[in-house]
Amino acid sequence: MKGHWIKYSDEEMAWLKANRTLPIGDYHAAFCRQFSRDDVSAGNLHALRKRKGWKTGRTGHFGKGSTPFNKGVPCEPGKGGRHPNARKTHFKKGGLPHNTKYLGHERVSKDGYVEVSIDEENPHTGYERRYVLKHIHLWEQANGPVPKGMCLKCIDGDRLNTDPSNWVLIPRGILPRLNGGRATRVMAYDTAPDELKPILLTIARVDHKASELRRKGRRAE
């Protein structure tokens, strides 16, 4: 009965502790037979073992190096993975998942740049393809590798326009000068009117060059 406290004698508790490693079904049957008890269920004894913290030696999972009981046993026809409905969704040999991203697949990065899957091994995962920035990939195909210390800037301010003609090679140090704000005292390049963009880029180039010359002059002193 739920909420009813079951009492055990000292002799019964000693027996229960000594035989705690028995499977619960055998544990319950043997206890009832030994002490002629019919008011105790297998669930009661299982709960008692847990309350007492008695370990049974069973963890409920296969231990390292153990062999599953059904290893090498084939599934019966029409059952489990061999059921007709299960067979409909089996992967076919050589098949690929429906969400496989094929060569040439494109996506947009969190920074708003287009990335494209190319036929090069991913150095981090070893996968046969990897994603690269599309505007750099196309520009380098037309012009060669981007030199060290240089980067590409989109001329029209639209990062999704990956045409090589829309990207100009500039020193990386110019980029902060194109972001706008109080530090540069000019408007941001990407949001400026199209007619002002060439002027802003020229100002940034001149400012960057002047800064380089000043640094060289200080080093020469």
C-alpha atoms as a PDB file:
ATOM      1  CA  MET A   1       0.000   0.000   0.000  1.00  0.00           C
ATOM      2  CA  LYS A   2       1.339   3.415  -0.947  1.00  0.00           C
ATOM      3  CA  GLY A   3       2.630   5.350   2.058  1.00  0.00           C
ATOM      4  CA  HIS A   4       2.608   2.264   4.280  1.00  0.00           C
ATOM      5  CA  TRP A   5       5.862   1.739   6.188  1.00  0.00           C
ATOM      6  CA  ILE A   6       7.101  -1.841   5.842  1.00  0.00           C
ATOM      7  CA  LYS A   7       8.889  -3.274   8.841  1.00  0.00           C
ATOM      8  CA  TYR A   8      11.760  -5.743   8.626  1.00  0.00           C
ATOM      9  CA  SER A   9      13.242  -7.745  11.465  1.00  0.00           C
ATOM     10  CA  ASP A  10      16.958  -7.684  12.207  1.00  0.00           C
ATOM     11  CA  GLU A  11      17.235 -11.196  10.753  1.00  0.00           C
ATOM     12  CA  GLU A  12      15.452 -10.105   7.562  1.00  0.00           C
ATOM     13  CA  MET A  13      17.650  -7.007   7.202  1.00  0.00           C
ATOM     14  CA  ALA A  14      20.771  -9.122   7.639  1.00  0.00           C
ATOM     15  CA  TRP A  15      19.549 -11.512   4.925  1.00  0.00           C
ATOM     16  CA  LEU A  16      18.614  -8.659   2.590  1.00  0.00           C
ATOM     17  CA  LYS A  17      22.044  -7.046   2.939  1.00  0.00           C
ATOM     18  CA  ALA A  18      23.910 -10.344   2.487  1.00  0.00           C
ATOM     19  CA  ASN A  19      21.960 -11.181  -0.700  1.00  0.00           C
ATOM     20  CA  ARG A  20      21.752  -7.661  -2.145  1.00  0.00           C
ATOM     21  CA  THR A  21      23.625  -8.588  -5.345  1.00  0.00           C
ATOM     22  CA  LEU A  22      20.862 -10.913  -6.579  1.00  0.00           C
ATOM     23  CA  PRO A  23      18.806  -9.719  -9.578  1.00  0.00           C
ATOM     24  CA  ILE A  24      15.685  -8.033  -8.266  1.00  0.00           C
ATOM     25  CA  GLY A  25      13.313 -10.797  -9.388  1.00  0.00           C
ATOM     26  CA  ASP A  26      15.348 -13.541  -7.729  1.00  0.00           C
ATOM     27  CA  TYR A  27      15.969 -11.278  -4.710  1.00  0.00           C
ATOM     28  CA  HIS A  28      12.264 -10.764  -4.122  1.00  0.00           C
ATOM     29  CA  ALA A  29      11.251 -14.404  -4.704  1.00  0.00           C
ATOM     30  CA  ALA A  30      13.962 -15.760  -2.396  1.00  0.00           C
ATOM     31  CA  PHE A  31      13.133 -13.271   0.361  1.00  0.00           C
ATOM     32  CA  CYS A  32       9.412 -14.068   0.305  1.00  0.00           C
ATOM     33  CA  ARG A  33      10.150 -17.787   0.299  1.00  0.00           C
ATOM     34  CA  GLN A  34      12.703 -17.523   3.123  1.00  0.00           C
ATOM     35  CA  PHE A  35      10.517 -15.449   5.461  1.00  0.00           C
ATOM     36  CA  SER A  36       7.003 -16.281   4.216  1.00  0.00           C
ATOM     37  CA  ARG A  37       6.290 -12.625   3.405  1.00  0.00           C
ATOM     38  CA  ASP A  38       3.495 -11.727   1.005  1.00  0.00           C
ATOM     39  CA  ASP A  39       3.259  -8.004   1.853  1.00  0.00           C
ATOM     40  CA  VAL A  40       6.499  -6.995   0.128  1.00  0.00           C
ATOM     41  CA  SER A  41       6.875  -6.279  -3.606  1.00  0.00           C
ATOM     42  CA  ALA A  42       9.982  -6.357  -5.750  1.00  0.00           C
ATOM     43  CA  GLY A  43       9.689  -2.551  -5.958  1.00  0.00           C
ATOM     44  CA  ASN A  44       9.766  -2.301  -2.157  1.00  0.00           C
ATOM     45  CA  LEU A  45      13.001  -4.275  -1.985  1.00  0.00           C
ATOM     46  CA  HIS A  46      14.538  -2.304  -4.848  1.00  0.00           C
ATOM     47  CA  ALA A  47      13.709   0.954  -3.043  1.00  0.00           C
ATOM     48  CA  LEU A  48      15.138  -0.443   0.209  1.00  0.00           C
ATOM     49  CA  ARG A  49      18.478  -1.246  -1.472  1.00  0.00           C
ATOM     50  CA  LYS A  50      18.644   2.285  -2.862  1.00  0.00           C
ATOM     51  CA  ARG A  51      17.831   3.899   0.498  1.00  0.00           C
ATOM     52  CA  LYS A  52      20.488   1.844   2.222  1.00  0.00           C
ATOM     53  CA  GLY A  53      23.040   2.538  -0.505  1.00  0.00           C
ATOM     54  CA  TRP A  54      23.690  -1.167  -1.003  1.00  0.00           C
ATOM     55  CA  LYS A  55      25.641  -1.716  -4.212  1.00  0.00           C
ATOM     56  CA  THR A  56      24.574  -4.624  -6.396  1.00  0.00           C
ATOM     57  CA  GLY A  57      27.691  -4.650  -8.585  1.00  0.00           C
ATOM     58  CA  ARG A  58      25.610  -3.791 -11.664  1.00  0.00           C
ATOM     59  CA  THR A  59      25.900  -0.375 -13.343  1.00  0.00           C
ATOM     60  CA  GLY A  60      23.310  -0.826 -16.079  1.00  0.00           C
ATOM     61  CA  HIS A  61      25.811  -0.512 -18.948  1.00  0.00           C
ATOM     62  CA  PHE A  62      28.423  -2.631 -20.635  1.00  0.00           C
ATOM     63  CA  GLY A  63      31.843  -2.377 -19.047  1.00  0.00           C
ATOM     64  CA  LYS A  64      34.973  -1.697 -21.067  1.00  0.00           C
ATOM     65  CA  GLY A  65      36.019  -4.827 -22.947  1.00  0.00           C
ATOM     66  CA  SER A  66      32.732  -6.649 -22.382  1.00  0.00           C
ATOM     67  CA  THR A  67      30.908  -8.305 -25.288  1.00  0.00           C
ATOM     68  CA  PRO A  68      27.237  -7.481 -25.966  1.00  0.00           C
ATOM     69  CA  PHE A  69      24.985 -10.527 -25.568  1.00  0.00           C
ATOM     70  CA  ASN A  70      23.666 -10.164 -29.132  1.00  0.00           C
ATOM     71  CA  LYS A  71      27.019  -9.716 -30.884  1.00  0.00           C
ATOM     72  CA  GLY A  72      27.032 -11.584 -34.190  1.00  0.00           C
ATOM     73  CA  VAL A  73      23.356 -12.510 -33.906  1.00  0.00           C
ATOM     74  CA  PRO A  74      21.515 -11.424 -37.078  1.00  0.00           C
ATOM     75  CA  CYS A  75      18.231  -9.568 -36.766  1.00  0.00           C
ATOM     76  CA  GLU A  76      15.222 -11.644 -37.744  1.00  0.00           C
ATOM     77  CA  PRO A  77      13.615 -10.835 -41.123  1.00  0.00           C
ATOM     78  CA  GLY A  78      10.806  -8.325 -40.696  1.00  0.00           C
ATOM     79  CA  LYS A  79      12.072  -7.209 -37.283  1.00  0.00           C
ATOM     80  CA  GLY A  80      14.071  -4.149 -36.127  1.00  0.00           C
ATOM     81  CA  GLY A  81      16.286  -2.764 -38.871  1.00  0.00           C
ATOM     82  CA  ARG A  82      15.065  -5.440 -41.284  1.00  0.00           C
ATOM     83  CA  HIS A  83      11.440  -4.320 -41.060  1.00  0.00           C
ATOM     84  CA  PRO A  84      10.133  -3.071 -44.465  1.00  0.00           C
ATOM     85  CA  ASN A  85       9.394   0.376 -43.065  1.00  0.00           C
ATOM     86  CA  ALA A  86      12.904   0.642 -41.607  1.00  0.00           C
ATOM     87  CA  ARG A  87      14.502  -0.447 -44.891  1.00  0.00           C
ATOM     88  CA  LYS A  88      12.888   2.512 -46.690  1.00  0.00           C
ATOM     89  CA  THR A  89      15.056   4.961 -44.770  1.00  0.00           C
ATOM     90  CA  HIS A  90      18.323   3.004 -44.841  1.00  0.00           C
ATOM     91  CA  PHE A  91      21.342   4.766 -46.342  1.00  0.00           C
ATOM     92  CA  LYS A  92      22.307   3.134 -49.615  1.00  0.00           C
ATOM     93  CA  LYS A  93      25.948   2.170 -50.062  1.00  0.00           C
ATOM     94  CA  GLY A  94      27.864   5.198 -51.316  1.00  0.00           C
ATOM     95  CA  GLY A  95      24.935   7.500 -50.558  1.00  0.00           C
ATOM     96  CA  LEU A  96      25.248  10.872 -48.843  1.00  0.00           C
ATOM     97  CA  PRO A  97      22.935  12.628 -46.368  1.00  0.00           C
ATOM     98  CA  HIS A  98      20.318  14.984 -47.821  1.00  0.00           C
ATOM     99  CA  ASN A  99      22.069  17.989 -46.255  1.00  0.00           C
ATOM    100  CA  THR A 100      25.485  17.274 -47.784  1.00  0.00           C
ATOM    101  CA  LYS A 101      27.082  20.508 -49.021  1.00  0.00           C
ATOM    102  CA  TYR A 102      28.555  19.804 -52.449  1.00  0.00           C
ATOM    103  CA  LEU A 103      31.457  21.430 -54.272  1.00  0.00           C
ATOM    104  CA  GLY A 104      30.587  25.040 -55.061  1.00  0.00           C
ATOM    105  CA  HIS A 105      27.999  25.394 -52.288  1.00  0.00           C
ATOM    106  CA  GLU A 106      27.829  28.940 -50.956  1.00  0.00           C
ATOM    107  CA  ARG A 107      26.879  30.402 -47.588  1.00  0.00           C
ATOM    108  CA  VAL A 108      27.100  33.808 -45.894  1.00  0.00           C
ATOM    109  CA  SER A 109      29.360  34.158 -42.856  1.00  0.00           C
ATOM    110  CA  LYS A 110      28.349  35.938 -39.650  1.00  0.00           C
ATOM    111  CA  ASP A 111      30.424  38.916 -40.875  1.00  0.00           C
ATOM    112  CA  GLY A 112      28.393  39.161 -44.079  1.00  0.00           C
ATOM    113  CA  TYR A 113      30.947  37.685 -46.514  1.00  0.00           C
ATOM    114  CA  VAL A 114      30.122  34.970 -49.050  1.00  0.00           C
ATOM    115  CA  GLU A 115      31.928  31.663 -48.474  1.00  0.00           C
ATOM    116  CA  VAL A 116      32.226  28.961 -51.123  1.00  0.00           C
ATOM    117  CA  SER A 117      33.115  25.268 -50.883  1.00  0.00           C
ATOM    118  CA  ILE A 118      36.222  24.462 -52.943  1.00  0.00           C
ATOM    119  CA  ASP A 119      38.112  21.310 -53.846  1.00  0.00           C
ATOM    120  CA  GLU A 120      40.839  21.599 -51.199  1.00  0.00           C
ATOM    121  CA  GLU A 121      41.414  19.477 -48.086  1.00  0.00           C
ATOM    122  CA  ASN A 122      40.322  21.149 -44.879  1.00  0.00           C
ATOM    123  CA  PRO A 123      43.541  21.442 -42.805  1.00  0.00           C
ATOM    124  CA  HIS A 124      41.565  21.295 -39.545  1.00  0.00           C
ATOM    125  CA  THR A 125      39.264  18.315 -40.224  1.00  0.00           C
ATOM    126  CA  GLY A 126      40.942  16.512 -43.122  1.00  0.00           C
ATOM    127  CA  TYR A 127      37.680  16.667 -45.122  1.00  0.00           C
ATOM    128  CA  GLU A 128      38.071  16.703 -48.896  1.00  0.00           C
ATOM    129  CA  ARG A 129      36.478  20.165 -49.279  1.00  0.00           C
ATOM    130  CA  ARG A 130      36.669  23.408 -47.333  1.00  0.00           C
ATOM    131  CA  TYR A 131      35.021  26.819 -47.283  1.00  0.00           C
ATOM    132  CA  VAL A 132      36.941  29.958 -48.269  1.00  0.00           C
ATOM    133  CA  LEU A 133      35.956  33.594 -48.739  1.00  0.00           C
ATOM    134  CA  LYS A 134      34.613  33.749 -52.275  1.00  0.00           C
ATOM    135  CA  HIS A 135      35.748  37.287 -53.066  1.00  0.00           C
ATOM    136  CA  ILE A 136      39.358  36.424 -52.162  1.00  0.00           C
ATOM    137  CA  HIS A 137      39.185  33.109 -54.013  1.00  0.00           C
ATOM    138  CA  LEU A 138      37.979  34.754 -57.226  1.00  0.00           C
ATOM    139  CA  TRP A 139      40.340  37.734 -56.924  1.00  0.00           C
ATOM    140  CA  GLU A 140      43.381  35.461 -56.444  1.00  0.00           C
ATOM    141  CA  GLN A 141      42.368  33.364 -59.441  1.00  0.00           C
ATOM    142  CA  ALA A 142      42.529  36.521 -61.532  1.00  0.00           C
ATOM    143  CA  ASN A 143      45.437  38.355 -59.876  1.00  0.00           C
ATOM    144  CA  GLY A 144      47.473  35.901 -57.807  1.00  0.00           C
ATOM    145  CA  PRO A 145      47.849  35.620 -54.016  1.00  0.00           C
ATOM    146  CA  VAL A 146      47.099  38.592 -51.784  1.00  0.00           C
ATOM    147  CA  PRO A 147      50.514  39.939 -50.631  1.00  0.00           C
ATOM    148  CA  LYS A 148      51.413  39.877 -46.957  1.00  0.00           C
ATOM    149  CA  GLY A 149      50.214  42.995 -45.132  1.00  0.00           C
ATOM    150  CA  MET A 150      47.602  43.698 -47.789  1.00  0.00           C
ATOM    151  CA  CYS A 151      43.869  42.967 -47.932  1.00  0.00           C
ATOM    152  CA  LEU A 152      40.872  43.408 -50.213  1.00  0.00           C
ATOM    153  CA  LYS A 153      38.271  46.131 -49.816  1.00  0.00           C
ATOM    154  CA  CYS A 154      34.913  46.088 -51.619  1.00  0.00           C
ATOM    155  CA  ILE A 155      34.633  49.202 -53.770  1.00  0.00           C
ATOM    156  CA  ASP A 156      30.849  49.568 -53.675  1.00  0.00           C
ATOM    157  CA  GLY A 157      30.567  48.665 -49.953  1.00  0.00           C
ATOM    158  CA  ASP A 158      28.530  45.526 -50.733  1.00  0.00           C
ATOM    159  CA  ARG A 159      30.311  42.457 -49.303  1.00  0.00           C
ATOM    160  CA  LEU A 160      27.971  40.140 -51.205  1.00  0.00           C
ATOM    161  CA  ASN A 161      29.266  41.443 -54.551  1.00  0.00           C
ATOM    162  CA  THR A 162      32.156  39.027 -55.093  1.00  0.00           C
ATOM    163  CA  ASP A 163      33.118  40.078 -58.614  1.00  0.00           C
ATOM    164  CA  PRO A 164      36.931  40.626 -58.641  1.00  0.00           C
ATOM    165  CA  SER A 165      36.433  44.040 -60.241  1.00  0.00           C
ATOM    166  CA  ASN A 166      34.570  45.140 -57.101  1.00  0.00           C
ATOM    167  CA  TRP A 167      37.564  44.552 -54.830  1.00  0.00           C
ATOM    168  CA  VAL A 168      40.667  46.684 -54.547  1.00  0.00           C
ATOM    169  CA  LEU A 169      43.983  45.728 -52.941  1.00  0.00           C
ATOM    170  CA  ILE A 170      44.937  48.040 -50.065  1.00  0.00           C
ATOM    171  CA  PRO A 171      47.348  47.977 -47.098  1.00  0.00           C
ATOM    172  CA  ARG A 172      45.642  46.404 -44.085  1.00  0.00           C
ATOM    173  CA  GLY A 173      46.457  49.519 -42.041  1.00  0.00           C
ATOM    174  CA  ILE A 174      43.998  51.543 -44.136  1.00  0.00           C
ATOM    175  CA  LEU A 175      40.955  49.554 -43.005  1.00  0.00           C
ATOM    176  CA  PRO A 176      40.533  51.336 -39.626  1.00  0.00           C
ATOM    177  CA  ARG A 177      40.564  54.673 -41.458  1.00  0.00           C
ATOM    178  CA  LEU A 178      37.572  53.581 -43.546  1.00  0.00           C
ATOM    179  CA  ASN A 179      35.369  52.685 -40.590  1.00  0.00           C
ATOM    180  CA  GLY A 180      34.413  56.290 -39.868  1.00  0.00           C
ATOM    181  CA  GLY A 181      33.637  57.755 -36.470  1.00  0.00           C
ATOM    182  CA  ARG A 182      35.317  60.357 -34.272  1.00  0.00           C
ATOM    183  CA  ALA A 183      38.701  58.626 -34.480  1.00  0.00           C
ATOM    184  CA  THR A 184      38.981  59.360 -38.218  1.00  0.00           C
ATOM    185  CA  ARG A 185      36.725  62.437 -38.345  1.00  0.00           C
ATOM    186  CA  VAL A 186      35.220  61.186 -41.633  1.00  0.00           C
ATOM    187  CA  MET A 187      32.101  59.213 -42.488  1.00  0.00           C
ATOM    188  CA  ALA A 188      32.228  55.425 -42.813  1.00  0.00           C
ATOM    189  CA  TYR A 189      33.168  54.266 -46.288  1.00  0.00           C
ATOM    190  CA  ASP A 190      30.540  51.498 -46.670  1.00  0.00           C
ATOM    191  CA  THR A 191      27.570  53.755 -45.854  1.00  0.00           C
ATOM    192  CA  ALA A 192      28.828  56.840 -47.717  1.00  0.00           C
ATOM    193  CA  PRO A 193      27.202  57.933 -51.009  1.00  0.00           C
ATOM    194  CA  ASP A 194      28.787  56.296 -54.052  1.00  0.00           C
ATOM    195  CA  GLU A 195      30.165  59.599 -55.326  1.00  0.00           C
ATOM    196  CA  LEU A 196      32.110  60.116 -52.069  1.00  0.00           C
ATOM    197  CA  LYS A 197      33.624  56.630 -51.805  1.00  0.00           C
ATOM    198  CA  PRO A 198      36.614  57.320 -54.128  1.00  0.00           C
ATOM    199  CA  ILE A 199      37.385  60.495 -52.147  1.00  0.00           C
ATOM    200  CA  LEU A 200      37.229  58.705 -48.789  1.00  0.00           C
ATOM    201  CA  LEU A 201      39.510  55.931 -50.073  1.00  0.00           C
ATOM    202  CA  THR A 202      42.028  58.485 -51.365  1.00  0.00           C
ATOM    203  CA  ILE A 203      42.004  60.360 -48.039  1.00  0.00           C
ATOM    204  CA  ALA A 204      42.591  57.088 -46.178  1.00  0.00           C
ATOM    205  CA  ARG A 205      45.492  56.194 -48.480  1.00  0.00           C
ATOM    206  CA  VAL A 206      47.119  59.622 -48.041  1.00  0.00           C
ATOM    207  CA  ASP A 207      46.610  59.562 -44.261  1.00  0.00           C
ATOM    208  CA  HIS A 208      48.105  56.076 -44.043  1.00  0.00           C
ATOM    209  CA  LYS A 209      51.104  57.038 -46.198  1.00  0.00           C
ATOM    210  CA  ALA A 210      51.711  60.182 -44.140  1.00  0.00           C
ATOM    211  CA  SER A 211      51.627  58.124 -40.952  1.00  0.00           C
ATOM    212  CA  GLU A 212      54.212  55.699 -42.407  1.00  0.00           C
ATOM    213  CA  LEU A 213      56.517  58.584 -43.372  1.00  0.00           C
ATOM    214  CA  ARG A 214      56.258  60.080 -39.896  1.00  0.00           C
ATOM    215  CA  ARG A 215      57.204  56.741 -38.318  1.00  0.00           C
ATOM    216  CA  LYS A 216      60.187  56.379 -40.638  1.00  0.00           C
ATOM    217  CA  GLY A 217      61.287  59.921 -39.792  1.00  0.00           C
ATOM    218  CA  ARG A 218      61.181  59.219 -36.067  1.00  0.00           C
ATOM    219  CA  ARG A 219      63.194  56.037 -36.475  1.00  0.00           C
ATOM    220  CA  ALA A 220      65.819  57.916 -38.520  1.00  0.00           C
ATOM    221  CA  GLU A 221      66.350  60.545 -35.800  1.00  0.00           C
END
